[in-house]
Amino acid sequence: MLFSKRGKLKKEFDEQLINQFIEIKQSLQKAQRLEELSDDYDLFVITERKVIESKYLFLLKEARNRKVKIR
């Protein structure tokens, strides 16, 4: 009984991880593009990109630890 619930929870949380990963990846691409297009050195844009990049790398590391594959 206990193990049947574990499989469902793992699948549910893996799907959440994949969804978060896709969202962060898209926002990272937007932030990188914004930084490329900006003419002036804007510290806010750079820090925002670095924060999003840190989140992206964390989710990537977590996905590798869980052995999650995006289909």
PDB file of N, CA and C in Angstrom:
ATOM      1  N   MET A   1       0.809  -1.191   0.000  1.00  0.00           N
ATOM      2  CA  MET A   1       0.000   0.000   0.000  1.00  0.00           C
ATOM      3  C   MET A   1       0.856   1.261   0.000  1.00  0.00           C
ATOM      4  N   LEU A   2       1.837   1.250   0.824  1.00  0.00           N
ATOM      5  CA  LEU A   2       2.662   2.441   0.976  1.00  0.00           C
ATOM      6  C   LEU A   2       3.453   2.734  -0.296  1.00  0.00           C
ATOM      7  N   PHE A   3       3.916   1.693  -0.946  1.00  0.00           N
ATOM      8  CA  PHE A   3       4.755   1.894  -2.118  1.00  0.00           C
ATOM      9  C   PHE A   3       3.949   2.297  -3.348  1.00  0.00           C
ATOM     10  N   SER A   4       2.692   1.967  -3.410  1.00  0.00           N
ATOM     11  CA  SER A   4       1.886   2.376  -4.559  1.00  0.00           C
ATOM     12  C   SER A   4       1.670   3.887  -4.546  1.00  0.00           C
ATOM     13  N   LYS A   5       1.562   4.459  -3.360  1.00  0.00           N
ATOM     14  CA  LYS A   5       1.402   5.894  -3.238  1.00  0.00           C
ATOM     15  C   LYS A   5       2.697   6.617  -3.592  1.00  0.00           C
ATOM     16  N   ARG A   6       3.805   5.981  -3.296  1.00  0.00           N
ATOM     17  CA  ARG A   6       5.117   6.577  -3.561  1.00  0.00           C
ATOM     18  C   ARG A   6       5.327   6.803  -5.056  1.00  0.00           C
ATOM     19  N   GLY A   7       4.927   5.846  -5.863  1.00  0.00           N
ATOM     20  CA  GLY A   7       5.082   5.971  -7.313  1.00  0.00           C
ATOM     21  C   GLY A   7       4.245   7.107  -7.873  1.00  0.00           C
ATOM     22  N   LYS A   8       3.032   7.252  -7.357  1.00  0.00           N
ATOM     23  CA  LYS A   8       2.161   8.335  -7.811  1.00  0.00           C
ATOM     24  C   LYS A   8       2.731   9.690  -7.415  1.00  0.00           C
ATOM     25  N   LEU A   9       3.246   9.790  -6.198  1.00  0.00           N
ATOM     26  CA  LEU A   9       3.823  11.053  -5.741  1.00  0.00           C
ATOM     27  C   LEU A   9       5.067  11.410  -6.539  1.00  0.00           C
ATOM     28  N   LYS A  10       5.899  10.414  -6.824  1.00  0.00           N
ATOM     29  CA  LYS A  10       7.108  10.675  -7.595  1.00  0.00           C
ATOM     30  C   LYS A  10       6.747  11.181  -8.984  1.00  0.00           C
ATOM     31  N   LYS A  11       5.779  10.557  -9.604  1.00  0.00           N
ATOM     32  CA  LYS A  11       5.359  10.980 -10.938  1.00  0.00           C
ATOM     33  C   LYS A  11       4.797  12.400 -10.906  1.00  0.00           C
ATOM     34  N   GLU A  12       3.996  12.704  -9.891  1.00  0.00           N
ATOM     35  CA  GLU A  12       3.400  14.029  -9.768  1.00  0.00           C
ATOM     36  C   GLU A  12       4.470  15.106  -9.574  1.00  0.00           C
ATOM     37  N   PHE A  13       5.420  14.852  -8.694  1.00  0.00           N
ATOM     38  CA  PHE A  13       6.463  15.835  -8.434  1.00  0.00           C
ATOM     39  C   PHE A  13       7.461  15.938  -9.586  1.00  0.00           C
ATOM     40  N   ASP A  14       7.669  14.847 -10.304  1.00  0.00           N
ATOM     41  CA  ASP A  14       8.524  14.913 -11.486  1.00  0.00           C
ATOM     42  C   ASP A  14       7.877  15.783 -12.565  1.00  0.00           C
ATOM     43  N   GLU A  15       6.565  15.682 -12.718  1.00  0.00           N
ATOM     44  CA  GLU A  15       5.860  16.530 -13.676  1.00  0.00           C
ATOM     45  C   GLU A  15       5.949  17.998 -13.278  1.00  0.00           C
ATOM     46  N   GLN A  16       5.829  18.283 -11.988  1.00  0.00           N
ATOM     47  CA  GLN A  16       5.978  19.658 -11.519  1.00  0.00           C
ATOM     48  C   GLN A  16       7.385  20.171 -11.798  1.00  0.00           C
ATOM     49  N   LEU A  17       8.376  19.339 -11.574  1.00  0.00           N
ATOM     50  CA  LEU A  17       9.759  19.716 -11.834  1.00  0.00           C
ATOM     51  C   LEU A  17       9.971  20.016 -13.309  1.00  0.00           C
ATOM     52  N   ILE A  18       9.421  19.196 -14.170  1.00  0.00           N
ATOM     53  CA  ILE A  18       9.549  19.412 -15.611  1.00  0.00           C
ATOM     54  C   ILE A  18       8.880  20.719 -16.019  1.00  0.00           C
ATOM     55  N   ASN A  19       7.695  20.980 -15.486  1.00  0.00           N
ATOM     56  CA  ASN A  19       6.993  22.224 -15.809  1.00  0.00           C
ATOM     57  C   ASN A  19       7.774  23.443 -15.338  1.00  0.00           C
ATOM     58  N   GLN A  20       8.308  23.389 -14.136  1.00  0.00           N
ATOM     59  CA  GLN A  20       9.118  24.498 -13.628  1.00  0.00           C
ATOM     60  C   GLN A  20      10.371  24.679 -14.470  1.00  0.00           C
ATOM     61  N   PHE A  21      10.975  23.580 -14.862  1.00  0.00           N
ATOM     62  CA  PHE A  21      12.194  23.633 -15.665  1.00  0.00           C
ATOM     63  C   PHE A  21      11.924  24.314 -17.006  1.00  0.00           C
ATOM     64  N   ILE A  22      10.819  23.969 -17.639  1.00  0.00           N
ATOM     65  CA  ILE A  22      10.475  24.563 -18.932  1.00  0.00           C
ATOM     66  C   ILE A  22      10.195  26.053 -18.779  1.00  0.00           C
ATOM     67  N   GLU A  23       9.467  26.437 -17.728  1.00  0.00           N
ATOM     68  CA  GLU A  23       9.172  27.852 -17.498  1.00  0.00           C
ATOM     69  C   GLU A  23      10.446  28.658 -17.247  1.00  0.00           C
ATOM     70  N   ILE A  24      11.324  28.130 -16.420  1.00  0.00           N
ATOM     71  CA  ILE A  24      12.567  28.831 -16.104  1.00  0.00           C
ATOM     72  C   ILE A  24      13.461  28.912 -17.338  1.00  0.00           C
ATOM     73  N   LYS A  25      13.468  27.861 -18.147  1.00  0.00           N
ATOM     74  CA  LYS A  25      14.278  27.874 -19.361  1.00  0.00           C
ATOM     75  C   LYS A  25      13.805  28.973 -20.309  1.00  0.00           C
ATOM     76  N   GLN A  26      12.496  29.118 -20.453  1.00  0.00           N
ATOM     77  CA  GLN A  26      11.948  30.164 -21.313  1.00  0.00           C
ATOM     78  C   GLN A  26      12.264  31.553 -20.770  1.00  0.00           C
ATOM     79  N   SER A  27      12.130  31.730 -19.465  1.00  0.00           N
ATOM     80  CA  SER A  27      12.428  33.039 -18.887  1.00  0.00           C
ATOM     81  C   SER A  27      13.927  33.342 -18.955  1.00  0.00           C
ATOM     82  N   LEU A  28      14.775  32.321 -18.877  1.00  0.00           N
ATOM     83  CA  LEU A  28      16.212  32.531 -19.033  1.00  0.00           C
ATOM     84  C   LEU A  28      16.537  32.978 -20.453  1.00  0.00           C
ATOM     85  N   GLN A  29      15.895  32.366 -21.424  1.00  0.00           N
ATOM     86  CA  GLN A  29      16.120  32.767 -22.808  1.00  0.00           C
ATOM     87  C   GLN A  29      15.669  34.209 -23.037  1.00  0.00           C
ATOM     88  N   LYS A  30      14.540  34.593 -22.441  1.00  0.00           N
ATOM     89  CA  LYS A  30      14.061  35.972 -22.557  1.00  0.00           C
ATOM     90  C   LYS A  30      15.037  36.948 -21.901  1.00  0.00           C
ATOM     91  N   ALA A  31      15.538  36.588 -20.734  1.00  0.00           N
ATOM     92  CA  ALA A  31      16.469  37.461 -20.015  1.00  0.00           C
ATOM     93  C   ALA A  31      17.784  37.605 -20.775  1.00  0.00           C
ATOM     94  N   GLN A  32      18.263  36.523 -21.360  1.00  0.00           N
ATOM     95  CA  GLN A  32      19.492  36.590 -22.143  1.00  0.00           C
ATOM     96  C   GLN A  32      19.293  37.456 -23.378  1.00  0.00           C
ATOM     97  N   ARG A  33      18.148  37.301 -23.986  1.00  0.00           N
ATOM     98  CA  ARG A  33      17.861  38.109 -25.181  1.00  0.00           C
ATOM     99  C   ARG A  33      17.743  39.591 -24.825  1.00  0.00           C
ATOM    100  N   LEU A  34      17.096  39.873 -23.696  1.00  0.00           N
ATOM    101  CA  LEU A  34      16.961  41.253 -23.250  1.00  0.00           C
ATOM    102  C   LEU A  34      18.324  41.867 -22.963  1.00  0.00           C
ATOM    103  N   GLU A  35      19.190  41.081 -22.359  1.00  0.00           N
ATOM    104  CA  GLU A  35      20.536  41.576 -22.060  1.00  0.00           C
ATOM    105  C   GLU A  35      21.327  41.831 -23.348  1.00  0.00           C
ATOM    106  N   GLU A  36      21.142  40.974 -24.338  1.00  0.00           N
ATOM    107  CA  GLU A  36      21.826  41.172 -25.613  1.00  0.00           C
ATOM    108  C   GLU A  36      21.332  42.426 -26.330  1.00  0.00           C
ATOM    109  N   LEU A  37      20.034  42.679 -26.226  1.00  0.00           N
ATOM    110  CA  LEU A  37      19.445  43.796 -26.960  1.00  0.00           C
ATOM    111  C   LEU A  37      19.628  45.143 -26.263  1.00  0.00           C
ATOM    112  N   SER A  38      19.938  45.123 -24.992  1.00  0.00           N
ATOM    113  CA  SER A  38      20.089  46.396 -24.296  1.00  0.00           C
ATOM    114  C   SER A  38      21.410  47.055 -24.694  1.00  0.00           C
ATOM    115  N   ASP A  39      21.317  48.329 -24.986  1.00  0.00           N
ATOM    116  CA  ASP A  39      22.506  49.075 -25.404  1.00  0.00           C
ATOM    117  C   ASP A  39      23.334  49.521 -24.218  1.00  0.00           C
ATOM    118  N   ASP A  40      22.652  49.877 -23.148  1.00  0.00           N
ATOM    119  CA  ASP A  40      23.326  50.411 -21.977  1.00  0.00           C
ATOM    120  C   ASP A  40      23.589  49.295 -20.960  1.00  0.00           C
ATOM    121  N   TYR A  41      24.571  49.478 -20.137  1.00  0.00           N
ATOM    122  CA  TYR A  41      24.892  48.523 -19.072  1.00  0.00           C
ATOM    123  C   TYR A  41      23.875  48.709 -17.953  1.00  0.00           C
ATOM    124  N   ASP A  42      22.941  47.767 -17.846  1.00  0.00           N
ATOM    125  CA  ASP A  42      21.883  47.860 -16.839  1.00  0.00           C
ATOM    126  C   ASP A  42      22.092  46.760 -15.805  1.00  0.00           C
ATOM    127  N   LEU A  43      22.378  47.176 -14.587  1.00  0.00           N
ATOM    128  CA  LEU A  43      22.678  46.221 -13.523  1.00  0.00           C
ATOM    129  C   LEU A  43      21.464  45.365 -13.169  1.00  0.00           C
ATOM    130  N   PHE A  44      20.267  45.945 -13.238  1.00  0.00           N
ATOM    131  CA  PHE A  44      19.052  45.194 -12.913  1.00  0.00           C
ATOM    132  C   PHE A  44      18.855  44.032 -13.877  1.00  0.00           C
ATOM    133  N   VAL A  45      19.072  44.261 -15.158  1.00  0.00           N
ATOM    134  CA  VAL A  45      18.897  43.214 -16.165  1.00  0.00           C
ATOM    135  C   VAL A  45      19.917  42.097 -15.949  1.00  0.00           C
ATOM    136  N   ILE A  46      21.118  42.470 -15.626  1.00  0.00           N
ATOM    137  CA  ILE A  46      22.168  41.470 -15.414  1.00  0.00           C
ATOM    138  C   ILE A  46      21.894  40.632 -14.172  1.00  0.00           C
ATOM    139  N   THR A  47      21.495  41.272 -13.088  1.00  0.00           N
ATOM    140  CA  THR A  47      21.210  40.510 -11.860  1.00  0.00           C
ATOM    141  C   THR A  47      19.992  39.622 -12.040  1.00  0.00           C
ATOM    142  N   GLU A  48      19.003  40.117 -12.766  1.00  0.00           N
ATOM    143  CA  GLU A  48      17.817  39.288 -13.024  1.00  0.00           C
ATOM    144  C   GLU A  48      18.196  38.046 -13.823  1.00  0.00           C
ATOM    145  N   ARG A  49      19.054  38.201 -14.829  1.00  0.00           N
ATOM    146  CA  ARG A  49      19.493  37.062 -15.617  1.00  0.00           C
ATOM    147  C   ARG A  49      20.274  36.073 -14.765  1.00  0.00           C
ATOM    148  N   LYS A  50      21.124  36.587 -13.890  1.00  0.00           N
ATOM    149  CA  LYS A  50      21.925  35.702 -13.043  1.00  0.00           C
ATOM    150  C   LYS A  50      21.065  34.925 -12.057  1.00  0.00           C
ATOM    151  N   VAL A  51      20.032  35.561 -11.527  1.00  0.00           N
ATOM    152  CA  VAL A  51      19.126  34.866 -10.614  1.00  0.00           C
ATOM    153  C   VAL A  51      18.372  33.764 -11.352  1.00  0.00           C
ATOM    154  N   ILE A  52      17.874  34.080 -12.525  1.00  0.00           N
ATOM    155  CA  ILE A  52      17.145  33.082 -13.312  1.00  0.00           C
ATOM    156  C   ILE A  52      18.087  31.952 -13.726  1.00  0.00           C
ATOM    157  N   GLU A  53      19.322  32.297 -14.070  1.00  0.00           N
ATOM    158  CA  GLU A  53      20.296  31.280 -14.442  1.00  0.00           C
ATOM    159  C   GLU A  53      20.619  30.356 -13.267  1.00  0.00           C
ATOM    160  N   SER A  54      20.674  30.903 -12.066  1.00  0.00           N
ATOM    161  CA  SER A  54      20.916  30.082 -10.877  1.00  0.00           C
ATOM    162  C   SER A  54      19.762  29.120 -10.634  1.00  0.00           C
ATOM    163  N   LYS A  55      18.538  29.606 -10.811  1.00  0.00           N
ATOM    164  CA  LYS A  55      17.367  28.738 -10.664  1.00  0.00           C
ATOM    165  C   LYS A  55      17.387  27.629 -11.709  1.00  0.00           C
ATOM    166  N   TYR A  56      17.748  27.985 -12.933  1.00  0.00           N
ATOM    167  CA  TYR A  56      17.818  27.011 -14.018  1.00  0.00           C
ATOM    168  C   TYR A  56      18.836  25.914 -13.707  1.00  0.00           C
ATOM    169  N   LEU A  57      20.011  26.316 -13.252  1.00  0.00           N
ATOM    170  CA  LEU A  57      21.047  25.330 -12.941  1.00  0.00           C
ATOM    171  C   LEU A  57      20.642  24.442 -11.766  1.00  0.00           C
ATOM    172  N   PHE A  58      19.946  25.027 -10.783  1.00  0.00           N
ATOM    173  CA  PHE A  58      19.480  24.225  -9.658  1.00  0.00           C
ATOM    174  C   PHE A  58      18.469  23.175 -10.115  1.00  0.00           C
ATOM    175  N   LEU A  59      17.505  23.593 -10.955  1.00  0.00           N
ATOM    176  CA  LEU A  59      16.506  22.643 -11.438  1.00  0.00           C
ATOM    177  C   LEU A  59      17.136  21.579 -12.335  1.00  0.00           C
ATOM    178  N   LEU A  60      18.145  21.966 -13.114  1.00  0.00           N
ATOM    179  CA  LEU A  60      18.849  20.996 -13.946  1.00  0.00           C
ATOM    180  C   LEU A  60      19.554  19.954 -13.082  1.00  0.00           C
ATOM    181  N   LYS A  61      20.200  20.411 -12.035  1.00  0.00           N
ATOM    182  CA  LYS A  61      20.892  19.507 -11.111  1.00  0.00           C
ATOM    183  C   LYS A  61      19.890  18.581 -10.409  1.00  0.00           C
ATOM    184  N   GLU A  62      18.767  19.136 -10.001  1.00  0.00           N
ATOM    185  CA  GLU A  62      17.732  18.331  -9.337  1.00  0.00           C
ATOM    186  C   GLU A  62      17.159  17.285 -10.291  1.00  0.00           C
ATOM    187  N   ALA A  63      16.950  17.656 -11.543  1.00  0.00           N
ATOM    188  CA  ALA A  63      16.435  16.702 -12.528  1.00  0.00           C
ATOM    189  C   ALA A  63      17.434  15.570 -12.765  1.00  0.00           C
ATOM    190  N   ARG A  64      18.704  15.899 -12.777  1.00  0.00           N
ATOM    191  CA  ARG A  64      19.719  14.851 -12.938  1.00  0.00           C
ATOM    192  C   ARG A  64      19.746  13.929 -11.737  1.00  0.00           C
ATOM    193  N   ASN A  65      19.616  14.477 -10.536  1.00  0.00           N
ATOM    194  CA  ASN A  65      19.611  13.646  -9.340  1.00  0.00           C
ATOM    195  C   ASN A  65      18.406  12.709  -9.308  1.00  0.00           C
ATOM    196  N   ARG A  66      17.267  13.206  -9.757  1.00  0.00           N
ATOM    197  CA  ARG A  66      16.051  12.383  -9.773  1.00  0.00           C
ATOM    198  C   ARG A  66      15.968  11.476 -10.995  1.00  0.00           C
ATOM    199  N   LYS A  67      16.865  11.696 -11.945  1.00  0.00           N
ATOM    200  CA  LYS A  67      16.882  10.924 -13.194  1.00  0.00           C
ATOM    201  C   LYS A  67      15.568  11.088 -13.962  1.00  0.00           C
ATOM    202  N   VAL A  68      15.181  12.356 -14.120  1.00  0.00           N
ATOM    203  CA  VAL A  68      13.958  12.705 -14.827  1.00  0.00           C
ATOM    204  C   VAL A  68      14.309  12.992 -16.278  1.00  0.00           C
ATOM    205  N   LYS A  69      13.509  12.488 -17.189  1.00  0.00           N
ATOM    206  CA  LYS A  69      13.736  12.745 -18.604  1.00  0.00           C
ATOM    207  C   LYS A  69      12.520  13.452 -19.180  1.00  0.00           C
ATOM    208  N   ILE A  70      12.789  14.488 -19.976  1.00  0.00           N
ATOM    209  CA  ILE A  70      11.714  15.224 -20.632  1.00  0.00           C
ATOM    210  C   ILE A  70      11.428  14.526 -21.949  1.00  0.00           C
ATOM    211  N   ARG A  71      10.183  14.233 -22.175  1.00  0.00           N
ATOM    212  CA  ARG A  71       9.798  13.502 -23.391  1.00  0.00           C
ATOM    213  C   ARG A  71       9.372  14.440 -24.461  1.00  0.00           C
TER     214      ARG A  71
END
